[in-house]
Amino acid sequence: MAELADIEWMMHPDEGGHFSIVREAQLLAYLKKDLKDAETISVHRCPYGNCENDFFWGCNSEGCCWRGVECLYAYRLTRDEQYRINAERCLNYILGQNATGYCYVTGFGSRPTSHPHHRLSYTNPHGTIPGFLAGGPNPAQQDRITDGVKYPKNVPADESYLDFQPSYASNEVTINWNVTLFALTAGIDALE
């Protein structure tokens, strides 16, 4: 929640109409390495998913979508196209341009998440409810001991995601994770 407060504070000008230069500089410095990695080491040209620490419980939201939202705010402050492009790259990652090939949004894409850890989808006679963001690859695999969840390996980017209803550590959906997906897609749509 601290990041939301920081960005909200940063986006409101003071009485003189000026934005917080200190916070803007912090945001741009924070994004600098990730944007460089997107151009130099990323196989999917994304500012997310290029190091082992990017993958954790809920990483698609709190890592990838949030990075895209940060890029949108950086674009809003600077009008530098690299930030808009990288926000779109984060969305592309979520929609399937990633190591698994899955679209992490239920009901979308050619290989969507179809068996989320979501009771309403699991019991729905019409199938998975569309529009939910799955948590994503999670090498900690907190669910590997219970519920018959067996991961092939604990490699962060691809072997730690299962499109399997009992896999709550990689395939859970939550309201707060969907908020970042909504913020990212709405922000990109608003720029079009």
N, C-alpha and C. Protein backbone atom coordinates (compact mmCIF):
# COMPACT_ATOMS: atom_id res chain seq x y z
N MET A 1 0.82 -1.21 0.00
CA MET A 1 0.00 0.00 0.00
C MET A 1 0.86 1.26 0.00
N ALA A 2 2.08 1.17 0.51
CA ALA A 2 2.94 2.36 0.57
C ALA A 2 3.22 2.91 -0.82
N GLU A 3 3.39 2.01 -1.81
CA GLU A 3 3.67 2.48 -3.16
C GLU A 3 2.50 3.28 -3.72
N LEU A 4 1.27 2.81 -3.46
CA LEU A 4 0.10 3.56 -3.92
C LEU A 4 0.06 4.95 -3.31
N ALA A 5 0.35 5.04 -2.02
CA ALA A 5 0.35 6.34 -1.36
C ALA A 5 1.44 7.24 -1.92
N ASP A 6 2.63 6.68 -2.16
CA ASP A 6 3.72 7.48 -2.72
C ASP A 6 3.37 8.02 -4.10
N ILE A 7 2.82 7.17 -4.93
CA ILE A 7 2.48 7.61 -6.29
C ILE A 7 1.34 8.61 -6.25
N GLU A 8 0.36 8.37 -5.42
CA GLU A 8 -0.76 9.32 -5.33
C GLU A 8 -0.24 10.69 -4.85
N TRP A 9 0.62 10.68 -3.86
CA TRP A 9 1.20 11.93 -3.35
C TRP A 9 2.03 12.61 -4.44
N MET A 10 2.79 11.83 -5.17
CA MET A 10 3.65 12.36 -6.22
C MET A 10 2.84 13.00 -7.34
N MET A 11 1.66 12.47 -7.63
CA MET A 11 0.88 12.94 -8.77
C MET A 11 0.05 14.19 -8.49
N HIS A 12 0.06 14.65 -7.25
CA HIS A 12 -0.68 15.87 -6.93
C HIS A 12 0.29 17.04 -6.80
N PRO A 13 0.10 18.07 -7.59
CA PRO A 13 1.02 19.21 -7.51
C PRO A 13 0.83 20.00 -6.21
N ASP A 14 1.90 20.72 -5.84
CA ASP A 14 1.79 21.58 -4.67
C ASP A 14 1.04 22.86 -5.05
N GLU A 15 0.98 23.84 -4.14
CA GLU A 15 0.23 25.07 -4.41
C GLU A 15 0.77 25.83 -5.62
N GLY A 16 2.04 25.63 -5.91
CA GLY A 16 2.65 26.29 -7.07
C GLY A 16 2.47 25.53 -8.37
N GLY A 17 1.78 24.38 -8.31
CA GLY A 17 1.54 23.60 -9.52
C GLY A 17 2.68 22.66 -9.89
N HIS A 18 3.62 22.46 -8.96
CA HIS A 18 4.78 21.62 -9.24
C HIS A 18 4.60 20.23 -8.62
N PHE A 19 5.05 19.23 -9.35
CA PHE A 19 5.04 17.87 -8.83
C PHE A 19 6.28 17.66 -7.97
N SER A 20 6.26 16.63 -7.16
CA SER A 20 7.39 16.33 -6.29
C SER A 20 8.57 15.83 -7.11
N ILE A 21 9.55 16.67 -7.27
CA ILE A 21 10.74 16.31 -8.06
C ILE A 21 11.51 15.19 -7.38
N VAL A 22 11.55 15.19 -6.06
CA VAL A 22 12.27 14.15 -5.33
C VAL A 22 11.64 12.79 -5.60
N ARG A 23 10.31 12.68 -5.46
CA ARG A 23 9.63 11.41 -5.69
C ARG A 23 9.72 11.00 -7.16
N GLU A 24 9.62 11.95 -8.07
CA GLU A 24 9.76 11.63 -9.50
C GLU A 24 11.14 11.05 -9.77
N ALA A 25 12.17 11.65 -9.23
CA ALA A 25 13.54 11.16 -9.42
C ALA A 25 13.68 9.75 -8.84
N GLN A 26 13.05 9.50 -7.69
CA GLN A 26 13.11 8.17 -7.09
C GLN A 26 12.44 7.13 -7.98
N LEU A 27 11.29 7.46 -8.52
CA LEU A 27 10.57 6.53 -9.40
C LEU A 27 11.39 6.23 -10.65
N LEU A 28 11.94 7.26 -11.28
CA LEU A 28 12.71 7.06 -12.51
C LEU A 28 13.99 6.28 -12.23
N ALA A 29 14.64 6.54 -11.11
CA ALA A 29 15.85 5.79 -10.75
C ALA A 29 15.51 4.33 -10.47
N TYR A 30 14.38 4.11 -9.83
CA TYR A 30 13.94 2.75 -9.52
C TYR A 30 13.67 1.95 -10.80
N LEU A 31 13.08 2.58 -11.81
CA LEU A 31 12.74 1.90 -13.04
C LEU A 31 13.92 1.75 -14.00
N LYS A 32 14.97 2.52 -13.81
CA LYS A 32 16.08 2.57 -14.76
C LYS A 32 16.68 1.19 -15.06
N LYS A 33 17.02 0.42 -14.04
CA LYS A 33 17.63 -0.89 -14.26
C LYS A 33 16.67 -1.84 -14.97
N ASP A 34 15.41 -1.83 -14.56
CA ASP A 34 14.43 -2.73 -15.18
C ASP A 34 14.23 -2.42 -16.66
N LEU A 35 14.21 -1.14 -17.00
CA LEU A 35 14.05 -0.77 -18.41
C LEU A 35 15.29 -1.13 -19.22
N LYS A 36 16.45 -0.99 -18.61
CA LYS A 36 17.70 -1.39 -19.29
C LYS A 36 17.70 -2.90 -19.52
N ASP A 37 17.30 -3.67 -18.51
CA ASP A 37 17.24 -5.13 -18.64
C ASP A 37 16.26 -5.55 -19.73
N ALA A 38 15.16 -4.82 -19.89
CA ALA A 38 14.18 -5.14 -20.92
C ALA A 38 14.80 -5.07 -22.31
N GLU A 39 15.74 -4.16 -22.48
CA GLU A 39 16.40 -3.99 -23.78
C GLU A 39 17.60 -4.89 -23.97
N THR A 40 18.24 -5.31 -22.88
CA THR A 40 19.52 -6.00 -23.02
C THR A 40 19.49 -7.49 -22.65
N ILE A 41 18.76 -7.88 -21.60
CA ILE A 41 18.82 -9.29 -21.19
C ILE A 41 17.50 -10.03 -21.27
N SER A 42 16.40 -9.33 -21.43
CA SER A 42 15.10 -9.97 -21.40
C SER A 42 14.80 -10.69 -22.71
N VAL A 43 14.41 -11.96 -22.60
CA VAL A 43 14.04 -12.70 -23.80
C VAL A 43 12.67 -12.27 -24.31
N HIS A 44 11.82 -11.71 -23.46
CA HIS A 44 10.50 -11.26 -23.88
C HIS A 44 10.39 -9.73 -23.85
N ARG A 45 11.53 -9.05 -23.76
CA ARG A 45 11.62 -7.58 -23.82
C ARG A 45 10.65 -6.90 -22.86
N CYS A 46 10.71 -7.34 -21.62
CA CYS A 46 9.81 -6.82 -20.59
C CYS A 46 10.64 -6.35 -19.40
N PRO A 47 10.23 -5.27 -18.73
CA PRO A 47 10.97 -4.81 -17.55
C PRO A 47 10.67 -5.64 -16.31
N TYR A 48 10.03 -6.77 -16.49
CA TYR A 48 9.69 -7.67 -15.40
C TYR A 48 10.06 -9.09 -15.82
N GLY A 49 10.44 -9.92 -14.85
CA GLY A 49 10.67 -11.33 -15.12
C GLY A 49 12.08 -11.67 -15.56
N ASN A 50 13.03 -10.79 -15.25
CA ASN A 50 14.40 -10.98 -15.71
C ASN A 50 15.36 -11.41 -14.61
N CYS A 51 14.84 -11.57 -13.40
CA CYS A 51 15.69 -12.06 -12.32
C CYS A 51 14.86 -12.95 -11.40
N GLU A 52 15.52 -13.81 -10.68
CA GLU A 52 14.85 -14.79 -9.83
C GLU A 52 13.94 -14.13 -8.79
N ASN A 53 14.34 -12.97 -8.29
CA ASN A 53 13.55 -12.29 -7.26
C ASN A 53 12.21 -11.74 -7.77
N ASP A 54 12.02 -11.74 -9.09
CA ASP A 54 10.76 -11.26 -9.65
C ASP A 54 9.60 -12.22 -9.41
N PHE A 55 9.89 -13.46 -9.00
CA PHE A 55 8.85 -14.48 -8.90
C PHE A 55 8.57 -14.85 -7.44
N PHE A 56 7.32 -14.65 -7.04
CA PHE A 56 6.88 -14.89 -5.67
C PHE A 56 5.35 -15.02 -5.69
N TRP A 57 4.74 -15.31 -4.58
CA TRP A 57 3.29 -15.47 -4.48
C TRP A 57 2.61 -14.15 -4.90
N GLY A 58 1.85 -14.18 -5.97
CA GLY A 58 1.16 -12.99 -6.46
C GLY A 58 2.01 -12.11 -7.35
N CYS A 59 3.10 -12.64 -7.87
CA CYS A 59 4.05 -11.82 -8.64
C CYS A 59 3.45 -11.21 -9.90
N ASN A 60 2.47 -11.86 -10.52
CA ASN A 60 1.89 -11.27 -11.73
C ASN A 60 1.25 -9.92 -11.43
N SER A 61 0.69 -9.78 -10.24
CA SER A 61 0.08 -8.52 -9.84
C SER A 61 1.10 -7.58 -9.22
N GLU A 62 1.66 -8.02 -8.09
CA GLU A 62 2.52 -7.15 -7.28
C GLU A 62 3.88 -6.92 -7.93
N GLY A 63 4.22 -7.71 -8.91
CA GLY A 63 5.46 -7.53 -9.65
C GLY A 63 5.21 -6.96 -11.02
N CYS A 64 4.62 -7.76 -11.90
CA CYS A 64 4.49 -7.37 -13.31
C CYS A 64 3.48 -6.24 -13.55
N CYS A 65 2.24 -6.42 -13.14
CA CYS A 65 1.24 -5.37 -13.39
C CYS A 65 1.62 -4.08 -12.67
N TRP A 66 2.12 -4.22 -11.45
CA TRP A 66 2.51 -3.02 -10.70
C TRP A 66 3.66 -2.29 -11.39
N ARG A 67 4.62 -3.05 -11.95
CA ARG A 67 5.73 -2.43 -12.69
C ARG A 67 5.17 -1.66 -13.89
N GLY A 68 4.17 -2.24 -14.55
CA GLY A 68 3.53 -1.54 -15.66
C GLY A 68 2.85 -0.26 -15.22
N VAL A 69 2.17 -0.29 -14.08
CA VAL A 69 1.51 0.91 -13.55
C VAL A 69 2.57 1.97 -13.22
N GLU A 70 3.68 1.55 -12.63
CA GLU A 70 4.76 2.51 -12.34
C GLU A 70 5.27 3.14 -13.63
N CYS A 71 5.39 2.35 -14.68
CA CYS A 71 5.82 2.88 -15.98
C CYS A 71 4.80 3.89 -16.52
N LEU A 72 3.52 3.62 -16.32
CA LEU A 72 2.49 4.56 -16.76
C LEU A 72 2.61 5.90 -16.03
N TYR A 73 2.87 5.82 -14.72
CA TYR A 73 3.05 7.06 -13.97
C TYR A 73 4.30 7.80 -14.42
N ALA A 74 5.37 7.07 -14.69
CA ALA A 74 6.60 7.70 -15.19
C ALA A 74 6.34 8.35 -16.54
N TYR A 75 5.55 7.70 -17.39
CA TYR A 75 5.20 8.28 -18.69
C TYR A 75 4.38 9.55 -18.49
N ARG A 76 3.44 9.51 -17.57
CA ARG A 76 2.60 10.68 -17.30
C ARG A 76 3.45 11.87 -16.84
N LEU A 77 4.48 11.59 -16.05
CA LEU A 77 5.34 12.66 -15.55
C LEU A 77 6.31 13.19 -16.61
N THR A 78 6.83 12.29 -17.44
CA THR A 78 7.92 12.68 -18.35
C THR A 78 7.54 12.75 -19.83
N ARG A 79 6.49 12.04 -20.21
CA ARG A 79 6.08 11.87 -21.61
C ARG A 79 7.17 11.18 -22.44
N ASP A 80 8.05 10.46 -21.77
CA ASP A 80 9.10 9.68 -22.43
C ASP A 80 8.49 8.36 -22.89
N GLU A 81 8.51 8.10 -24.18
CA GLU A 81 7.86 6.93 -24.78
C GLU A 81 8.35 5.60 -24.23
N GLN A 82 9.60 5.55 -23.74
CA GLN A 82 10.10 4.27 -23.23
C GLN A 82 9.24 3.75 -22.08
N TYR A 83 8.67 4.64 -21.30
CA TYR A 83 7.83 4.21 -20.18
C TYR A 83 6.49 3.66 -20.67
N ARG A 84 5.89 4.29 -21.66
CA ARG A 84 4.64 3.78 -22.23
C ARG A 84 4.87 2.41 -22.87
N ILE A 85 5.93 2.29 -23.63
CA ILE A 85 6.26 1.03 -24.30
C ILE A 85 6.46 -0.09 -23.28
N ASN A 86 7.15 0.20 -22.19
CA ASN A 86 7.40 -0.83 -21.19
C ASN A 86 6.17 -1.17 -20.37
N ALA A 87 5.25 -0.25 -20.21
CA ALA A 87 3.97 -0.58 -19.58
C ALA A 87 3.23 -1.59 -20.47
N GLU A 88 3.25 -1.35 -21.78
CA GLU A 88 2.61 -2.29 -22.71
C GLU A 88 3.31 -3.65 -22.70
N ARG A 89 4.61 -3.64 -22.54
CA ARG A 89 5.35 -4.91 -22.47
C ARG A 89 4.95 -5.71 -21.23
N CYS A 90 4.69 -5.03 -20.13
CA CYS A 90 4.21 -5.73 -18.93
C CYS A 90 2.86 -6.39 -19.20
N LEU A 91 1.98 -5.68 -19.88
CA LEU A 91 0.68 -6.27 -20.22
C LEU A 91 0.87 -7.44 -21.19
N ASN A 92 1.77 -7.31 -22.14
CA ASN A 92 2.05 -8.41 -23.07
C ASN A 92 2.52 -9.65 -22.32
N TYR A 93 3.35 -9.44 -21.30
CA TYR A 93 3.82 -10.55 -20.47
C TYR A 93 2.62 -11.27 -19.84
N ILE A 94 1.72 -10.52 -19.25
CA ILE A 94 0.54 -11.09 -18.60
C ILE A 94 -0.33 -11.83 -19.62
N LEU A 95 -0.41 -11.31 -20.83
CA LEU A 95 -1.29 -11.89 -21.85
C LEU A 95 -0.67 -13.06 -22.60
N GLY A 96 0.56 -13.46 -22.25
CA GLY A 96 1.11 -14.67 -22.83
C GLY A 96 2.52 -14.60 -23.37
N GLN A 97 3.09 -13.42 -23.45
CA GLN A 97 4.47 -13.30 -23.93
C GLN A 97 5.41 -13.50 -22.73
N ASN A 98 5.47 -14.75 -22.25
CA ASN A 98 6.23 -15.10 -21.07
C ASN A 98 6.76 -16.52 -21.24
N ALA A 99 7.53 -17.00 -20.29
CA ALA A 99 8.18 -18.31 -20.40
C ALA A 99 7.20 -19.47 -20.40
N THR A 100 6.00 -19.31 -19.84
CA THR A 100 5.04 -20.41 -19.81
C THR A 100 4.18 -20.44 -21.07
N GLY A 101 4.01 -19.30 -21.72
CA GLY A 101 3.10 -19.20 -22.86
C GLY A 101 1.65 -19.05 -22.45
N TYR A 102 1.39 -19.04 -21.13
CA TYR A 102 0.02 -18.85 -20.65
C TYR A 102 -0.37 -17.38 -20.67
N CYS A 103 -1.61 -17.13 -21.03
CA CYS A 103 -2.24 -15.86 -20.73
C CYS A 103 -2.73 -16.03 -19.31
N TYR A 104 -2.23 -15.22 -18.40
CA TYR A 104 -2.56 -15.38 -16.99
C TYR A 104 -3.92 -14.81 -16.61
N VAL A 105 -4.70 -14.38 -17.61
CA VAL A 105 -6.04 -13.86 -17.38
C VAL A 105 -7.03 -14.92 -17.85
N THR A 106 -7.89 -15.36 -16.95
CA THR A 106 -8.84 -16.41 -17.31
C THR A 106 -9.75 -15.96 -18.45
N GLY A 107 -9.97 -16.88 -19.38
CA GLY A 107 -10.92 -16.62 -20.46
C GLY A 107 -10.38 -15.81 -21.63
N PHE A 108 -9.09 -15.53 -21.66
CA PHE A 108 -8.53 -14.71 -22.74
C PHE A 108 -7.32 -15.40 -23.35
N GLY A 109 -7.08 -15.14 -24.62
CA GLY A 109 -5.89 -15.63 -25.28
C GLY A 109 -6.04 -17.05 -25.80
N SER A 110 -4.99 -17.52 -26.49
CA SER A 110 -5.03 -18.86 -27.08
C SER A 110 -4.67 -19.94 -26.07
N ARG A 111 -4.01 -19.56 -24.96
CA ARG A 111 -3.68 -20.52 -23.90
C ARG A 111 -3.95 -19.85 -22.54
N PRO A 112 -5.22 -19.66 -22.21
CA PRO A 112 -5.54 -18.95 -20.97
C PRO A 112 -5.44 -19.85 -19.74
N THR A 113 -5.25 -19.22 -18.60
CA THR A 113 -5.41 -19.91 -17.34
C THR A 113 -6.86 -20.39 -17.30
N SER A 114 -7.05 -21.69 -17.13
CA SER A 114 -8.39 -22.26 -17.20
C SER A 114 -8.86 -22.93 -15.91
N HIS A 115 -7.92 -23.17 -15.00
CA HIS A 115 -8.26 -23.88 -13.76
C HIS A 115 -7.71 -23.12 -12.55
N PRO A 116 -8.17 -21.87 -12.34
CA PRO A 116 -7.63 -21.09 -11.23
C PRO A 116 -8.07 -21.64 -9.87
N HIS A 117 -7.31 -21.26 -8.87
CA HIS A 117 -7.70 -21.60 -7.49
C HIS A 117 -8.76 -20.57 -7.10
N HIS A 118 -9.99 -20.87 -7.48
CA HIS A 118 -11.11 -19.95 -7.30
C HIS A 118 -12.37 -20.79 -7.21
N ARG A 119 -12.96 -20.84 -6.06
CA ARG A 119 -14.09 -21.75 -5.82
C ARG A 119 -15.28 -21.48 -6.74
N LEU A 120 -15.58 -20.24 -7.03
CA LEU A 120 -16.73 -19.95 -7.90
C LEU A 120 -16.50 -20.47 -9.31
N SER A 121 -15.27 -20.35 -9.82
CA SER A 121 -14.97 -20.89 -11.14
C SER A 121 -15.00 -22.42 -11.11
N TYR A 122 -14.50 -22.97 -10.04
CA TYR A 122 -14.42 -24.43 -9.90
C TYR A 122 -15.81 -25.08 -9.88
N THR A 123 -16.77 -24.40 -9.28
CA THR A 123 -18.11 -24.96 -9.16
C THR A 123 -19.09 -24.43 -10.20
N ASN A 124 -18.66 -23.51 -11.03
CA ASN A 124 -19.53 -22.92 -12.04
C ASN A 124 -19.82 -23.95 -13.14
N PRO A 125 -21.07 -24.29 -13.40
CA PRO A 125 -21.37 -25.27 -14.44
C PRO A 125 -21.00 -24.79 -15.85
N HIS A 126 -20.81 -23.50 -16.02
CA HIS A 126 -20.45 -22.94 -17.33
C HIS A 126 -18.94 -22.80 -17.50
N GLY A 127 -18.18 -23.21 -16.51
CA GLY A 127 -16.72 -23.16 -16.60
C GLY A 127 -16.12 -21.97 -15.88
N THR A 128 -14.85 -21.75 -16.16
CA THR A 128 -14.08 -20.70 -15.50
C THR A 128 -14.66 -19.32 -15.79
N ILE A 129 -14.78 -18.52 -14.78
CA ILE A 129 -15.25 -17.15 -14.94
C ILE A 129 -14.12 -16.33 -15.57
N PRO A 130 -14.38 -15.61 -16.67
CA PRO A 130 -13.32 -14.87 -17.34
C PRO A 130 -12.93 -13.58 -16.62
N GLY A 131 -11.69 -13.17 -16.83
CA GLY A 131 -11.24 -11.87 -16.36
C GLY A 131 -10.43 -11.85 -15.08
N PHE A 132 -10.09 -13.01 -14.54
CA PHE A 132 -9.31 -13.06 -13.31
C PHE A 132 -7.83 -13.23 -13.60
N LEU A 133 -6.99 -12.54 -12.86
CA LEU A 133 -5.54 -12.63 -12.97
C LEU A 133 -5.02 -13.70 -12.01
N ALA A 134 -4.31 -14.69 -12.56
CA ALA A 134 -3.68 -15.72 -11.72
C ALA A 134 -2.40 -15.17 -11.11
N GLY A 135 -2.06 -15.66 -9.94
CA GLY A 135 -0.90 -15.17 -9.20
C GLY A 135 0.42 -15.26 -9.93
N GLY A 136 0.68 -16.38 -10.61
CA GLY A 136 1.89 -16.52 -11.41
C GLY A 136 2.95 -17.41 -10.80
N PRO A 137 4.05 -17.62 -11.54
CA PRO A 137 5.11 -18.51 -11.09
C PRO A 137 5.61 -18.17 -9.69
N ASN A 138 5.75 -19.21 -8.87
CA ASN A 138 6.12 -19.01 -7.48
C ASN A 138 7.06 -20.14 -7.06
N PRO A 139 8.38 -19.93 -7.14
CA PRO A 139 9.32 -21.00 -6.82
C PRO A 139 9.28 -21.46 -5.36
N ALA A 140 8.66 -20.71 -4.46
CA ALA A 140 8.54 -21.17 -3.07
C ALA A 140 7.56 -22.34 -2.97
N GLN A 141 6.63 -22.42 -3.89
CA GLN A 141 5.70 -23.55 -4.01
C GLN A 141 5.13 -23.98 -2.66
N GLN A 142 4.54 -23.04 -1.92
CA GLN A 142 4.01 -23.32 -0.59
C GLN A 142 2.96 -24.43 -0.59
N ASP A 143 2.37 -24.74 -1.72
CA ASP A 143 1.32 -25.74 -1.80
C ASP A 143 1.82 -27.11 -2.26
N ARG A 144 3.11 -27.28 -2.44
CA ARG A 144 3.62 -28.53 -3.02
C ARG A 144 3.42 -29.74 -2.09
N ILE A 145 3.24 -29.50 -0.82
CA ILE A 145 3.09 -30.61 0.13
C ILE A 145 1.62 -31.02 0.28
N THR A 146 0.72 -30.12 -0.01
CA THR A 146 -0.70 -30.40 0.19
C THR A 146 -1.45 -30.50 -1.14
N ASP A 147 -2.62 -31.01 -1.10
CA ASP A 147 -3.57 -31.00 -2.23
C ASP A 147 -3.07 -31.66 -3.51
N GLY A 148 -2.05 -32.51 -3.44
CA GLY A 148 -1.57 -33.20 -4.62
C GLY A 148 -0.90 -32.33 -5.65
N VAL A 149 -0.41 -31.18 -5.23
CA VAL A 149 0.26 -30.25 -6.15
C VAL A 149 1.70 -30.70 -6.33
N LYS A 150 2.05 -31.00 -7.58
CA LYS A 150 3.41 -31.45 -7.91
C LYS A 150 3.95 -30.61 -9.05
N TYR A 151 4.93 -29.82 -8.74
CA TYR A 151 5.58 -28.99 -9.75
C TYR A 151 6.70 -29.79 -10.42
N PRO A 152 6.94 -29.56 -11.71
CA PRO A 152 8.04 -30.28 -12.38
C PRO A 152 9.40 -29.96 -11.75
N LYS A 153 9.63 -28.70 -11.44
CA LYS A 153 10.89 -28.22 -10.83
C LYS A 153 10.57 -26.95 -10.07
N ASN A 154 11.59 -26.35 -9.47
CA ASN A 154 11.35 -25.06 -8.81
C ASN A 154 12.06 -23.93 -9.54
N VAL A 155 12.17 -24.05 -10.85
CA VAL A 155 12.73 -22.97 -11.68
C VAL A 155 11.73 -21.83 -11.66
N PRO A 156 12.17 -20.61 -11.36
CA PRO A 156 11.23 -19.52 -11.12
C PRO A 156 10.26 -19.19 -12.26
N ALA A 157 10.73 -18.99 -13.46
CA ALA A 157 9.89 -18.38 -14.49
C ALA A 157 8.83 -19.30 -15.09
N ASP A 158 9.13 -20.56 -15.27
CA ASP A 158 8.14 -21.39 -15.95
C ASP A 158 7.77 -22.68 -15.22
N GLU A 159 8.68 -23.31 -14.57
CA GLU A 159 8.41 -24.60 -13.92
C GLU A 159 7.69 -24.43 -12.58
N SER A 160 7.45 -23.21 -12.17
CA SER A 160 6.79 -22.97 -10.88
C SER A 160 5.39 -22.39 -11.05
N TYR A 161 4.79 -22.66 -12.20
CA TYR A 161 3.39 -22.28 -12.42
C TYR A 161 2.63 -23.50 -12.88
N LEU A 162 1.48 -23.74 -12.26
CA LEU A 162 0.60 -24.82 -12.67
C LEU A 162 -0.81 -24.28 -12.87
N ASP A 163 -1.40 -24.57 -14.01
CA ASP A 163 -2.80 -24.24 -14.25
C ASP A 163 -3.62 -25.41 -13.71
N PHE A 164 -3.70 -25.45 -12.39
CA PHE A 164 -4.27 -26.58 -11.66
C PHE A 164 -5.01 -26.01 -10.46
N GLN A 165 -6.30 -26.28 -10.34
CA GLN A 165 -7.14 -25.65 -9.33
C GLN A 165 -6.57 -25.75 -7.91
N PRO A 166 -6.01 -26.86 -7.46
CA PRO A 166 -5.47 -26.90 -6.10
C PRO A 166 -4.20 -26.05 -5.89
N SER A 167 -3.59 -25.58 -6.95
CA SER A 167 -2.34 -24.82 -6.80
C SER A 167 -2.60 -23.38 -6.38
N TYR A 168 -2.83 -23.19 -5.10
CA TYR A 168 -3.09 -21.84 -4.61
C TYR A 168 -1.83 -20.97 -4.62
N ALA A 169 -0.66 -21.55 -4.55
CA ALA A 169 0.58 -20.75 -4.52
C ALA A 169 0.94 -20.16 -5.88
N SER A 170 0.42 -20.71 -6.97
CA SER A 170 0.74 -20.15 -8.28
C SER A 170 -0.50 -19.75 -9.07
N ASN A 171 -1.65 -20.29 -8.72
CA ASN A 171 -2.82 -20.10 -9.58
C ASN A 171 -4.02 -19.50 -8.85
N GLU A 172 -3.77 -18.92 -7.69
CA GLU A 172 -4.83 -18.25 -6.94
C GLU A 172 -5.22 -16.96 -7.66
N VAL A 173 -6.47 -16.56 -7.48
CA VAL A 173 -6.93 -15.26 -7.96
C VAL A 173 -7.45 -14.47 -6.76
N THR A 174 -7.22 -13.17 -6.75
CA THR A 174 -7.69 -12.33 -5.65
C THR A 174 -8.18 -10.99 -6.20
N ILE A 175 -9.04 -10.36 -5.45
CA ILE A 175 -9.56 -9.05 -5.87
C ILE A 175 -8.42 -8.03 -5.95
N ASN A 176 -7.56 -8.00 -4.93
CA ASN A 176 -6.51 -6.99 -4.93
C ASN A 176 -5.52 -7.20 -6.07
N TRP A 177 -5.31 -8.44 -6.51
CA TRP A 177 -4.43 -8.65 -7.66
C TRP A 177 -5.09 -8.17 -8.94
N ASN A 178 -6.40 -8.35 -9.04
CA ASN A 178 -7.11 -7.88 -10.23
C ASN A 178 -7.09 -6.36 -10.34
N VAL A 179 -6.98 -5.67 -9.23
CA VAL A 179 -6.94 -4.20 -9.27
C VAL A 179 -5.74 -3.71 -10.07
N THR A 180 -4.58 -4.34 -9.91
CA THR A 180 -3.41 -3.88 -10.67
C THR A 180 -3.58 -4.19 -12.15
N LEU A 181 -4.20 -5.32 -12.47
CA LEU A 181 -4.48 -5.63 -13.88
C LEU A 181 -5.42 -4.58 -14.46
N PHE A 182 -6.45 -4.23 -13.70
CA PHE A 182 -7.39 -3.20 -14.15
C PHE A 182 -6.68 -1.86 -14.33
N ALA A 183 -5.85 -1.47 -13.36
CA ALA A 183 -5.14 -0.19 -13.45
C ALA A 183 -4.22 -0.16 -14.68
N LEU A 184 -3.53 -1.26 -14.93
CA LEU A 184 -2.63 -1.32 -16.08
C LEU A 184 -3.39 -1.26 -17.39
N THR A 185 -4.43 -2.07 -17.54
CA THR A 185 -5.16 -2.08 -18.81
C THR A 185 -5.92 -0.78 -19.02
N ALA A 186 -6.53 -0.25 -17.97
CA ALA A 186 -7.26 1.02 -18.10
C ALA A 186 -6.30 2.16 -18.42
N GLY A 187 -5.13 2.15 -17.79
CA GLY A 187 -4.14 3.20 -18.06
C GLY A 187 -3.65 3.16 -19.48
N ILE A 188 -3.37 1.98 -20.00
CA ILE A 188 -2.92 1.85 -21.39
C ILE A 188 -4.04 2.24 -22.34
N ASP A 189 -5.26 1.81 -22.04
CA ASP A 189 -6.41 2.17 -22.87
C ASP A 189 -6.62 3.68 -22.91
N ALA A 190 -6.42 4.34 -21.78
CA ALA A 190 -6.61 5.79 -21.71
C ALA A 190 -5.60 6.53 -22.59
N LEU A 191 -4.43 5.93 -22.82
CA LEU A 191 -3.42 6.56 -23.67
C LEU A 191 -3.74 6.43 -25.15
N GLU A 192 -4.55 5.43 -25.48
CA GLU A 192 -4.90 5.21 -26.88
C GLU A 192 -5.88 6.25 -27.28
